C-alpha atoms as a PDB file:
ATOM      1  CA  MET A   1     132.395 -46.574 107.234  1.00  0.00           C
ATOM      2  CA  LYS A   2     135.836 -45.515 106.958  1.00  0.00           C
ATOM      3  CA  ILE A   3     136.368 -41.875 107.202  1.00  0.00           C
ATOM      4  CA  GLY A   4     139.929 -39.801 107.249  1.00  0.00           C
ATOM      5  CA  ILE A   5     140.729 -35.803 107.593  1.00  0.00           C
ATOM      6  CA  LEU A   6     143.393 -34.410 105.152  1.00  0.00           C
ATOM      7  CA  GLY A   7     144.253 -31.475 108.080  1.00  0.00           C
ATOM      8  CA  GLN A   8     145.911 -29.853 110.397  1.00  0.00           C
ATOM      9  CA  ARG A   9     145.873 -31.958 113.901  1.00  0.00           C
ATOM     10  CA  GLY A  10     144.508 -30.196 116.762  1.00  0.00           C
ATOM     11  CA  GLY A  11     142.723 -27.911 114.301  1.00  0.00           C
ATOM     12  CA  TRP A  12     139.528 -26.082 115.170  1.00  0.00           C
ATOM     13  CA  HIS A  13     137.916 -27.484 112.102  1.00  0.00           C
ATOM     14  CA  VAL A  14     139.376 -31.439 111.931  1.00  0.00           C
ATOM     15  CA  THR A  15     138.003 -31.847 115.284  1.00  0.00           C
ATOM     16  CA  ALA A  16     134.481 -30.448 114.573  1.00  0.00           C
ATOM     17  CA  LEU A  17     134.412 -32.932 112.122  1.00  0.00           C
ATOM     18  CA  GLN A  18     136.331 -35.643 114.215  1.00  0.00           C
ATOM     19  CA  GLU A  19     133.711 -34.436 116.870  1.00  0.00           C
ATOM     20  CA  ALA A  20     130.767 -34.962 115.358  1.00  0.00           C
ATOM     21  CA  LEU A  21     131.343 -38.074 113.359  1.00  0.00           C
ATOM     22  CA  ALA A  22     132.177 -40.010 117.095  1.00  0.00           C
ATOM     23  CA  ARG A  23     128.826 -39.320 118.102  1.00  0.00           C
ATOM     24  CA  ARG A  24     127.466 -41.506 114.883  1.00  0.00           C
ATOM     25  CA  GLY A  25     129.975 -43.835 115.973  1.00  0.00           C
ATOM     26  CA  ILE A  26     132.806 -43.128 113.645  1.00  0.00           C
ATOM     27  CA  THR A  27     136.974 -42.639 114.215  1.00  0.00           C
ATOM     28  CA  ALA A  28     138.328 -40.329 111.809  1.00  0.00           C
ATOM     29  CA  PRO A  29     141.987 -39.808 111.828  1.00  0.00           C
ATOM     30  CA  CYS A  30     143.753 -36.713 110.880  1.00  0.00           C
ATOM     31  CA  PHE A  31     146.677 -37.105 108.437  1.00  0.00           C
ATOM     32  CA  PRO A  32     149.240 -34.337 107.241  1.00  0.00           C
ATOM     33  CA  ILE A  33     148.497 -33.836 103.825  1.00  0.00           C
ATOM     34  CA  THR A  34     152.557 -33.173 103.481  1.00  0.00           C
ATOM     35  CA  ARG A  35     152.929 -36.177 104.712  1.00  0.00           C
ATOM     36  CA  LEU A  36     151.810 -38.077 101.557  1.00  0.00           C
ATOM     37  CA  MET A  37     154.011 -41.130 100.158  1.00  0.00           C
ATOM     38  CA  ALA A  38     152.962 -42.581  96.386  1.00  0.00           C
ATOM     39  CA  ARG A  39     154.456 -46.017  95.163  1.00  0.00           C
ATOM     40  CA  LEU A  40     153.130 -47.580  91.551  1.00  0.00           C
ATOM     41  CA  SER A  41     153.366 -50.788  91.181  1.00  0.00           C
ATOM     42  CA  ALA A  42     153.344 -51.870  94.226  1.00  0.00           C
ATOM     43  CA  ARG A  43     151.104 -51.142  97.774  1.00  0.00           C
ATOM     44  CA  PRO A  44     149.638 -49.143  99.454  1.00  0.00           C
ATOM     45  CA  TRP A  45     149.667 -46.550  96.012  1.00  0.00           C
ATOM     46  CA  LEU A  46     148.870 -43.671  98.240  1.00  0.00           C
ATOM     47  CA  ALA A  47     149.818 -43.792 101.909  1.00  0.00           C
ATOM     48  CA  ALA A  48     149.892 -40.696 104.921  1.00  0.00           C
ATOM     49  CA  THR A  49     152.460 -41.296 107.859  1.00  0.00           C
ATOM     50  CA  GLY A  50     152.442 -45.070 106.514  1.00  0.00           C
ATOM     51  CA  GLU A  51     148.802 -45.448 106.067  1.00  0.00           C
ATOM     52  CA  PRO A  52     147.014 -46.235 103.420  1.00  0.00           C
ATOM     53  CA  LEU A  53     144.376 -44.022 102.088  1.00  0.00           C
ATOM     54  CA  GLU A  54     143.470 -46.184  99.075  1.00  0.00           C
ATOM     55  CA  THR A  55     141.601 -48.087 101.872  1.00  0.00           C
ATOM     56  CA  TYR A  56     139.695 -45.529 102.992  1.00  0.00           C
ATOM     57  CA  ASP A  57     135.994 -44.760 101.845  1.00  0.00           C
ATOM     58  CA  VAL A  58     136.454 -41.012 102.433  1.00  0.00           C
ATOM     59  CA  LEU A  59     138.759 -38.354 103.236  1.00  0.00           C
ATOM     60  CA  PHE A  60     137.804 -34.964 104.024  1.00  0.00           C
ATOM     61  CA  VAL A  61     140.398 -31.966 102.156  1.00  0.00           C
ATOM     62  CA  ARG A  62     140.801 -30.078 105.377  1.00  0.00           C
ATOM     63  CA  THR A  63     144.028 -27.820 104.168  1.00  0.00           C
ATOM     64  CA  ILE A  64     145.881 -28.064 101.471  1.00  0.00           C
ATOM     65  CA  PRO A  65     148.464 -25.817 102.454  1.00  0.00           C
ATOM     66  CA  GLY A  66     150.887 -23.681 100.495  1.00  0.00           C
ATOM     67  CA  GLY A  67     154.450 -24.851  98.877  1.00  0.00           C
ATOM     68  CA  SER A  68     156.158 -24.931  95.620  1.00  0.00           C
ATOM     69  CA  LEU A  69     153.551 -25.885  92.171  1.00  0.00           C
ATOM     70  CA  GLU A  70     155.325 -29.537  92.313  1.00  0.00           C
ATOM     71  CA  GLN A  71     154.620 -29.453  95.534  1.00  0.00           C
ATOM     72  CA  ILE A  72     150.754 -28.428  95.023  1.00  0.00           C
ATOM     73  CA  ILE A  73     150.590 -30.396  91.769  1.00  0.00           C
ATOM     74  CA  PHE A  74     151.677 -33.606  93.764  1.00  0.00           C
ATOM     75  CA  ARG A  75     148.946 -33.518  96.267  1.00  0.00           C
ATOM     76  CA  VAL A  76     145.689 -32.457  94.301  1.00  0.00           C
ATOM     77  CA  ASP A  77     147.690 -35.348  92.007  1.00  0.00           C
ATOM     78  CA  ALA A  78     147.649 -37.795  94.767  1.00  0.00           C
ATOM     79  CA  LEU A  79     143.487 -37.206  95.318  1.00  0.00           C
ATOM     80  CA  HIS A  80     143.029 -37.807  92.260  1.00  0.00           C
ATOM     81  CA  ARG A  81     144.051 -40.672  92.348  1.00  0.00           C
ATOM     82  CA  LEU A  82     142.987 -41.853  95.520  1.00  0.00           C
ATOM     83  CA  GLU A  83     139.573 -40.677  94.011  1.00  0.00           C
ATOM     84  CA  ASN A  84     140.152 -43.098  90.772  1.00  0.00           C
ATOM     85  CA  ALA A  85     141.076 -46.239  93.088  1.00  0.00           C
ATOM     86  CA  GLY A  86     137.354 -44.992  94.571  1.00  0.00           C
ATOM     87  CA  VAL A  87     137.612 -43.281  97.792  1.00  0.00           C
ATOM     88  CA  ARG A  88     134.709 -40.470  97.504  1.00  0.00           C
ATOM     89  CA  ILE A  89     136.892 -37.273  98.266  1.00  0.00           C
ATOM     90  CA  VAL A  90     135.171 -34.250  99.877  1.00  0.00           C
ATOM     91  CA  ASN A  91     135.723 -31.683  98.561  1.00  0.00           C
ATOM     92  CA  SER A  92     136.714 -33.502  94.733  1.00  0.00           C
ATOM     93  CA  PRO A  93     140.752 -32.947  93.729  1.00  0.00           C
ATOM     94  CA  THR A  94     138.319 -30.827  90.554  1.00  0.00           C
ATOM     95  CA  THR A  95     136.460 -29.123  92.580  1.00  0.00           C
ATOM     96  CA  ILE A  96     139.626 -27.838  94.391  1.00  0.00           C
ATOM     97  CA  GLU A  97     141.220 -27.049  91.013  1.00  0.00           C
ATOM     98  CA  ARG A  98     138.714 -24.982  90.135  1.00  0.00           C
ATOM     99  CA  THR A  99     138.174 -23.312  93.787  1.00  0.00           C
ATOM    100  CA  VAL A 100     141.768 -22.254  93.962  1.00  0.00           C
ATOM    101  CA  ASP A 101     142.289 -20.665  90.634  1.00  0.00           C
ATOM    102  CA  LYS A 102     139.780 -16.970  90.767  1.00  0.00           C
ATOM    103  CA  TYR A 103     140.218 -17.005  87.460  1.00  0.00           C
ATOM    104  CA  TYR A 104     139.200 -20.684  86.456  1.00  0.00           C
ATOM    105  CA  THR A 105     136.073 -20.061  89.096  1.00  0.00           C
ATOM    106  CA  SER A 106     135.326 -17.071  87.623  1.00  0.00           C
ATOM    107  CA  THR A 107     134.759 -18.079  84.060  1.00  0.00           C
ATOM    108  CA  LEU A 108     133.063 -21.000  85.528  1.00  0.00           C
ATOM    109  CA  LEU A 109     130.263 -18.596  86.841  1.00  0.00           C
ATOM    110  CA  GLU A 110     130.103 -16.408  84.198  1.00  0.00           C
ATOM    111  CA  ASP A 111     130.116 -19.837  81.488  1.00  0.00           C
ATOM    112  CA  ALA A 112     126.922 -20.736  84.345  1.00  0.00           C
ATOM    113  CA  GLY A 113     125.317 -17.368  84.058  1.00  0.00           C
ATOM    114  CA  LEU A 114     126.061 -15.514  87.169  1.00  0.00           C
ATOM    115  CA  PRO A 115     126.697 -12.458  87.593  1.00  0.00           C
ATOM    116  CA  THR A 116     130.254 -11.552  88.484  1.00  0.00           C
ATOM    117  CA  PRO A 117     132.299  -8.513  88.839  1.00  0.00           C
ATOM    118  CA  ARG A 118     134.126  -7.417  85.816  1.00  0.00           C
ATOM    119  CA  THR A 119     138.084  -8.834  85.663  1.00  0.00           C
ATOM    120  CA  VAL A 120     140.538  -8.859  83.438  1.00  0.00           C
ATOM    121  CA  VAL A 121     143.560 -10.945  84.048  1.00  0.00           C
ATOM    122  CA  THR A 122     147.020 -10.291  81.593  1.00  0.00           C
ATOM    123  CA  GLU A 123     150.375 -11.328  82.134  1.00  0.00           C
ATOM    124  CA  ARG A 124     151.454  -8.003  80.993  1.00  0.00           C
ATOM    125  CA  PHE A 125     152.494  -4.271  82.888  1.00  0.00           C
ATOM    126  CA  ASP A 126     151.147  -2.118  80.134  1.00  0.00           C
ATOM    127  CA  GLU A 127     147.814  -4.717  79.336  1.00  0.00           C
ATOM    128  CA  ALA A 128     147.756  -4.228  83.454  1.00  0.00           C
ATOM    129  CA  MET A 129     147.384  -0.686  83.426  1.00  0.00           C
ATOM    130  CA  ALA A 130     144.721   0.050  80.808  1.00  0.00           C
ATOM    131  CA  ALA A 131     142.621  -2.270  82.120  1.00  0.00           C
ATOM    132  CA  PHE A 132     142.765  -0.164  85.135  1.00  0.00           C
ATOM    133  CA  HIS A 133     141.402   2.378  83.606  1.00  0.00           C
ATOM    134  CA  GLU A 134     138.771   0.485  81.435  1.00  0.00           C
ATOM    135  CA  LEU A 135     138.013  -0.926  85.043  1.00  0.00           C
ATOM    136  CA  GLY A 136     136.694   2.119  85.909  1.00  0.00           C
ATOM    137  CA  GLY A 137     139.729   3.612  87.518  1.00  0.00           C
ATOM    138  CA  ASP A 138     139.044   2.113  91.144  1.00  0.00           C
ATOM    139  CA  VAL A 139     139.609  -2.196  91.535  1.00  0.00           C
ATOM    140  CA  VAL A 140     141.061  -4.827  93.473  1.00  0.00           C
ATOM    141  CA  VAL A 141     143.996  -6.730  93.280  1.00  0.00           C
ATOM    142  CA  LYS A 142     144.091 -10.208  94.307  1.00  0.00           C
ATOM    143  CA  PRO A 143     146.343 -12.916  94.143  1.00  0.00           C
ATOM    144  CA  ILE A 144     145.271 -15.530  91.915  1.00  0.00           C
ATOM    145  CA  PHE A 145     145.449 -18.394  94.960  1.00  0.00           C
ATOM    146  CA  GLY A 146     144.560 -16.948  97.656  1.00  0.00           C
ATOM    147  CA  SER A 147     142.727 -16.987 100.890  1.00  0.00           C
ATOM    148  CA  GLU A 148     141.190 -15.202 103.686  1.00  0.00           C
ATOM    149  CA  GLY A 149     141.845 -11.712 102.519  1.00  0.00           C
ATOM    150  CA  ARG A 150     145.557 -12.023 102.758  1.00  0.00           C
ATOM    151  CA  GLY A 151     147.090 -10.110  99.817  1.00  0.00           C
ATOM    152  CA  ILE A 152     143.965  -8.124  98.689  1.00  0.00           C
ATOM    153  CA  VAL A 153     145.178  -4.313  97.139  1.00  0.00           C
ATOM    154  CA  ARG A 154     142.093  -1.832  96.757  1.00  0.00           C
ATOM    155  CA  VAL A 155     144.238   0.312  93.754  1.00  0.00           C
ATOM    156  CA  SER A 156     141.912   3.891  92.773  1.00  0.00           C
ATOM    157  CA  ASP A 157     145.636   6.080  92.008  1.00  0.00           C
ATOM    158  CA  PRO A 158     146.816   6.017  88.937  1.00  0.00           C
ATOM    159  CA  ASP A 159     150.663   6.283  90.188  1.00  0.00           C
ATOM    160  CA  THR A 160     149.427   3.969  93.004  1.00  0.00           C
ATOM    161  CA  ALA A 161     149.295   1.268  90.179  1.00  0.00           C
ATOM    162  CA  TYR A 162     152.031   2.230  88.581  1.00  0.00           C
ATOM    163  CA  ARG A 163     154.437   1.233  91.608  1.00  0.00           C
ATOM    164  CA  VAL A 164     152.029  -1.817  92.302  1.00  0.00           C
ATOM    165  CA  PHE A 165     151.662  -3.448  88.696  1.00  0.00           C
ATOM    166  CA  ARG A 166     155.834  -2.529  88.641  1.00  0.00           C
ATOM    167  CA  ALA A 167     156.259  -4.512  92.350  1.00  0.00           C
ATOM    168  CA  LEU A 168     154.227  -7.848  90.866  1.00  0.00           C
ATOM    169  CA  GLU A 169     155.811  -7.042  87.220  1.00  0.00           C
ATOM    170  CA  LEU A 170     158.885  -7.791  89.248  1.00  0.00           C
ATOM    171  CA  GLY A 171     157.530 -10.882  90.921  1.00  0.00           C
ATOM    172  CA  ARG A 172     156.717 -12.163  87.449  1.00  0.00           C
ATOM    173  CA  TYR A 173     152.746 -12.439  88.975  1.00  0.00           C
ATOM    174  CA  VAL A 174     150.079 -12.477  86.383  1.00  0.00           C
ATOM    175  CA  TYR A 175     147.711  -9.536  87.223  1.00  0.00           C
ATOM    176  CA  TYR A 176     144.017  -9.785  88.950  1.00  0.00           C
ATOM    177  CA  LEU A 177     142.323  -7.251  88.355  1.00  0.00           C
ATOM    178  CA  GLN A 178     138.419  -6.570  89.018  1.00  0.00           C
ATOM    179  CA  GLU A 179     136.089  -4.159  88.925  1.00  0.00           C
ATOM    180  CA  PHE A 180     135.818  -1.985  92.629  1.00  0.00           C
ATOM    181  CA  VAL A 181     132.467  -2.444  94.025  1.00  0.00           C
ATOM    182  CA  PRO A 182     130.750  -0.590  96.746  1.00  0.00           C
ATOM    183  CA  HIS A 183     129.332  -2.611  99.193  1.00  0.00           C
ATOM    184  CA  GLY A 184     128.927  -0.184 102.724  1.00  0.00           C
ATOM    185  CA  CYS A 185     132.017  -3.009 103.563  1.00  0.00           C
ATOM    186  CA  GLU A 186     129.882  -5.848 104.503  1.00  0.00           C
ATOM    187  CA  ASP A 187     129.119  -9.070 101.997  1.00  0.00           C
ATOM    188  CA  ILE A 188     127.677 -12.091 102.505  1.00  0.00           C
ATOM    189  CA  ARG A 189     128.518 -15.444 102.926  1.00  0.00           C
ATOM    190  CA  VAL A 190     126.372 -18.725 102.252  1.00  0.00           C
ATOM    191  CA  PHE A 191     127.136 -21.538 103.236  1.00  0.00           C
ATOM    192  CA  VAL A 192     125.659 -24.653 100.774  1.00  0.00           C
ATOM    193  CA  ILE A 193     125.923 -28.308 101.129  1.00  0.00           C
ATOM    194  CA  GLY A 194     124.501 -30.386  98.585  1.00  0.00           C
ATOM    195  CA  GLU A 195     121.494 -29.162  97.165  1.00  0.00           C
ATOM    196  CA  GLU A 196     120.729 -27.109 100.791  1.00  0.00           C
ATOM    197  CA  VAL A 197     121.419 -24.176 102.116  1.00  0.00           C
ATOM    198  CA  VAL A 198     122.380 -24.466 106.009  1.00  0.00           C
ATOM    199  CA  ALA A 199     123.657 -21.539 107.070  1.00  0.00           C
ATOM    200  CA  ALA A 200     124.484 -17.654 105.798  1.00  0.00           C
ATOM    201  CA  MET A 201     125.761 -14.742 107.293  1.00  0.00           C
ATOM    202  CA  VAL A 202     126.463 -11.018 106.481  1.00  0.00           C
ATOM    203  CA  ARG A 203     129.418  -9.958 107.229  1.00  0.00           C
ATOM    204  CA  ARG A 204     130.772  -6.528 108.184  1.00  0.00           C
ATOM    205  CA  GLY A 205     134.242  -4.844 107.948  1.00  0.00           C
ATOM    206  CA  GLU A 206     135.725  -1.607 109.653  1.00  0.00           C
ATOM    207  CA  THR A 207     137.144  -1.922 105.975  1.00  0.00           C
ATOM    208  CA  TRP A 208     136.499  -2.995 102.332  1.00  0.00           C
ATOM    209  CA  LYS A 209     137.800  -5.908 103.165  1.00  0.00           C
ATOM    210  CA  THR A 210     134.728  -8.063 104.916  1.00  0.00           C
ATOM    211  CA  ASN A 211     136.475 -11.367 105.561  1.00  0.00           C
ATOM    212  CA  VAL A 212     136.291 -12.816 109.367  1.00  0.00           C
ATOM    213  CA  ALA A 213     139.975 -13.378 109.284  1.00  0.00           C
ATOM    214  CA  GLN A 214     140.438  -9.844 108.423  1.00  0.00           C
ATOM    215  CA  GLY A 215     138.753  -9.012 111.776  1.00  0.00           C
ATOM    216  CA  ALA A 216     135.096  -8.224 109.786  1.00  0.00           C
ATOM    217  CA  VAL A 217     132.366  -9.101 112.257  1.00  0.00           C
ATOM    218  CA  GLY A 218     129.261 -12.206 110.754  1.00  0.00           C
ATOM    219  CA  GLU A 219     125.880 -11.345 111.506  1.00  0.00           C
ATOM    220  CA  PRO A 220     123.039 -14.186 110.934  1.00  0.00           C
ATOM    221  CA  LEU A 221     121.603 -13.714 107.630  1.00  0.00           C
ATOM    222  CA  VAL A 222     117.748 -15.408 106.543  1.00  0.00           C
ATOM    223  CA  PRO A 223     118.798 -15.144 102.476  1.00  0.00           C
ATOM    224  CA  ASP A 224     116.531 -14.772 100.288  1.00  0.00           C
ATOM    225  CA  ASP A 225     115.473 -16.847  96.694  1.00  0.00           C
ATOM    226  CA  GLU A 226     117.211 -14.833  94.763  1.00  0.00           C
ATOM    227  CA  LEU A 227     120.366 -15.367  97.060  1.00  0.00           C
ATOM    228  CA  ARG A 228     119.407 -19.190  97.750  1.00  0.00           C
ATOM    229  CA  GLU A 229     119.423 -19.944  94.098  1.00  0.00           C
ATOM    230  CA  MET A 230     122.279 -18.105  93.446  1.00  0.00           C
ATOM    231  CA  SER A 231     124.389 -19.835  96.287  1.00  0.00           C
ATOM    232  CA  LEU A 232     122.984 -23.562  94.856  1.00  0.00           C
ATOM    233  CA  ARG A 233     123.642 -22.705  91.161  1.00  0.00           C
ATOM    234  CA  ALA A 234     126.809 -21.578  91.938  1.00  0.00           C
ATOM    235  CA  THR A 235     127.975 -24.582  93.939  1.00  0.00           C
ATOM    236  CA  ARG A 236     126.692 -26.428  91.490  1.00  0.00           C
ATOM    237  CA  ALA A 237     128.923 -24.934  88.612  1.00  0.00           C
ATOM    238  CA  LEU A 238     132.148 -25.602  90.673  1.00  0.00           C
ATOM    239  CA  GLY A 239     130.722 -29.377  91.264  1.00  0.00           C
ATOM    240  CA  ALA A 240     131.260 -28.970  95.160  1.00  0.00           C
ATOM    241  CA  ASP A 241     129.747 -31.461  97.309  1.00  0.00           C
ATOM    242  CA  TYR A 242     130.178 -28.494  99.954  1.00  0.00           C
ATOM    243  CA  ALA A 243     131.370 -24.453  99.530  1.00  0.00           C
ATOM    244  CA  GLY A 244     131.073 -20.856 101.036  1.00  0.00           C
ATOM    245  CA  VAL A 245     129.840 -18.653  98.116  1.00  0.00           C
ATOM    246  CA  ASP A 246     131.045 -14.374  98.682  1.00  0.00           C
ATOM    247  CA  ILE A 247     128.138 -12.668  97.176  1.00  0.00           C
ATOM    248  CA  LEU A 248     127.774  -8.517  97.435  1.00  0.00           C
ATOM    249  CA  PRO A 249     124.747  -6.837  97.211  1.00  0.00           C
ATOM    250  CA  ILE A 250     125.091  -4.339  93.985  1.00  0.00           C
ATOM    251  CA  GLY A 251     122.741  -1.346  93.470  1.00  0.00           C
ATOM    252  CA  GLY A 252     119.376  -1.970  92.794  1.00  0.00           C
ATOM    253  CA  GLY A 253     119.127  -4.508  94.661  1.00  0.00           C
ATOM    254  CA  GLY A 254     121.145  -7.308  92.474  1.00  0.00           C
ATOM    255  CA  TYR A 255     123.746  -9.934  93.427  1.00  0.00           C
ATOM    256  CA  ALA A 256     126.945 -10.528  92.226  1.00  0.00           C
ATOM    257  CA  VAL A 257     129.313 -13.661  93.413  1.00  0.00           C
ATOM    258  CA  VAL A 258     132.647 -12.986  93.892  1.00  0.00           C
ATOM    259  CA  GLU A 259     134.109 -16.088  94.870  1.00  0.00           C
ATOM    260  CA  ILE A 260     133.530 -19.126  96.011  1.00  0.00           C
ATOM    261  CA  ASN A 261     135.714 -21.773  98.821  1.00  0.00           C
ATOM    262  CA  GLY A 262     135.994 -25.028  98.215  1.00  0.00           C
ATOM    263  CA  ILE A 263     137.729 -25.639 101.828  1.00  0.00           C
ATOM    264  CA  PRO A 264     135.785 -23.293 103.400  1.00  0.00           C
ATOM    265  CA  GLY A 265     136.189 -22.203 107.292  1.00  0.00           C
ATOM    266  CA  TRP A 266     132.874 -22.163 108.738  1.00  0.00           C
ATOM    267  CA  ARG A 267     134.397 -20.918 112.814  1.00  0.00           C
ATOM    268  CA  GLY A 268     133.107 -17.308 112.243  1.00  0.00           C
ATOM    269  CA  LEU A 269     129.427 -18.684 110.264  1.00  0.00           C
ATOM    270  CA  GLN A 270     128.460 -21.129 112.770  1.00  0.00           C
ATOM    271  CA  ALA A 271     129.542 -18.218 116.290  1.00  0.00           C
ATOM    272  CA  ALA A 272     126.672 -15.826 113.414  1.00  0.00           C
ATOM    273  CA  THR A 273     124.231 -18.193 113.316  1.00  0.00           C
ATOM    274  CA  GLY A 274     124.384 -20.810 116.027  1.00  0.00           C
ATOM    275  CA  VAL A 275     124.483 -23.725 113.150  1.00  0.00           C
ATOM    276  CA  ASN A 276     126.818 -26.403 113.610  1.00  0.00           C
ATOM    277  CA  ILE A 277     128.212 -26.884 110.282  1.00  0.00           C
ATOM    278  CA  ALA A 278     130.704 -30.045 111.190  1.00  0.00           C
ATOM    279  CA  GLU A 279     126.954 -32.264 112.626  1.00  0.00           C
ATOM    280  CA  HIS A 280     125.728 -30.252 108.890  1.00  0.00           C
ATOM    281  CA  LEU A 281     128.548 -32.020 106.852  1.00  0.00           C
ATOM    282  CA  ALA A 282     128.547 -35.503 108.869  1.00  0.00           C
ATOM    283  CA  GLY A 283     125.284 -36.277 107.868  1.00  0.00           C
ATOM    284  CA  PHE A 284     125.543 -35.005 104.750  1.00  0.00           C
ATOM    285  CA  VAL A 285     128.265 -37.426 104.265  1.00  0.00           C
ATOM    286  CA  LEU A 286     126.705 -40.171 106.190  1.00  0.00           C
ATOM    287  CA  SER A 287     124.170 -39.821 103.457  1.00  0.00           C
ATOM    288  CA  GLY A 288     125.646 -39.448 100.355  1.00  0.00           C
ATOM    289  CA  PRO A 289     126.506 -41.815  97.721  1.00  0.00           C
ATOM    290  CA  ILE A 290     129.875 -43.326  98.132  1.00  0.00           C
END
């Protein structure tokens, strides 16, 4: 089987996948997604650094770096073309589109009947200010596109909200406001592959941000049945082969799904739990349908 990786050469996750596949006798080269070249009415249809990609059985997508709107659209379009050509993309371009957009993700979670924090999304300053009060005067303002907790701010003062929202207005950003859910500076990351929860941890931070990239510390967790079922339902709702599901405990003993990561990292999770996620991913892809 011919397997490749779209990612950063020498990156930790790419290397982990390459080593897991090598133990199964597969050499998986890595190609930067920023080096794609497409052709119509000629072959190869899609290449990266000169290597025809439609000749691969499976391509793991480990990163889609930031860029202009045109660059991002082209990269995802290229993944769709490869999928249409019979290449299995993990995760699929459709899943990536669903998970990189926080609003789209939240709508799919709610439509699937999963609890998620109250959210208001608007392009207008006055409506954002009204939403701030509607959501209790304590909100988390997030970029629609973003990861690892970067660019997320908590706003609990009307004057601060005014200044933050005016700044966003100048940049012509969309306002994505979620009610702040008290969580004791901790949340839960559940890692799903296929129909299996392979690992989970509690992330504890020194502030309300609980991303490992922001300094939080992970501790292993054995998820209860509710957490498992919620994580599997969330992953199915996004159509993901694998996903990192971020969940907050809420009052009364329940849970709320906050985000789904379709290109999830697992370095912190592996350190906390000892579970070799790359081994599970390699095994899943080699045993799954092509």
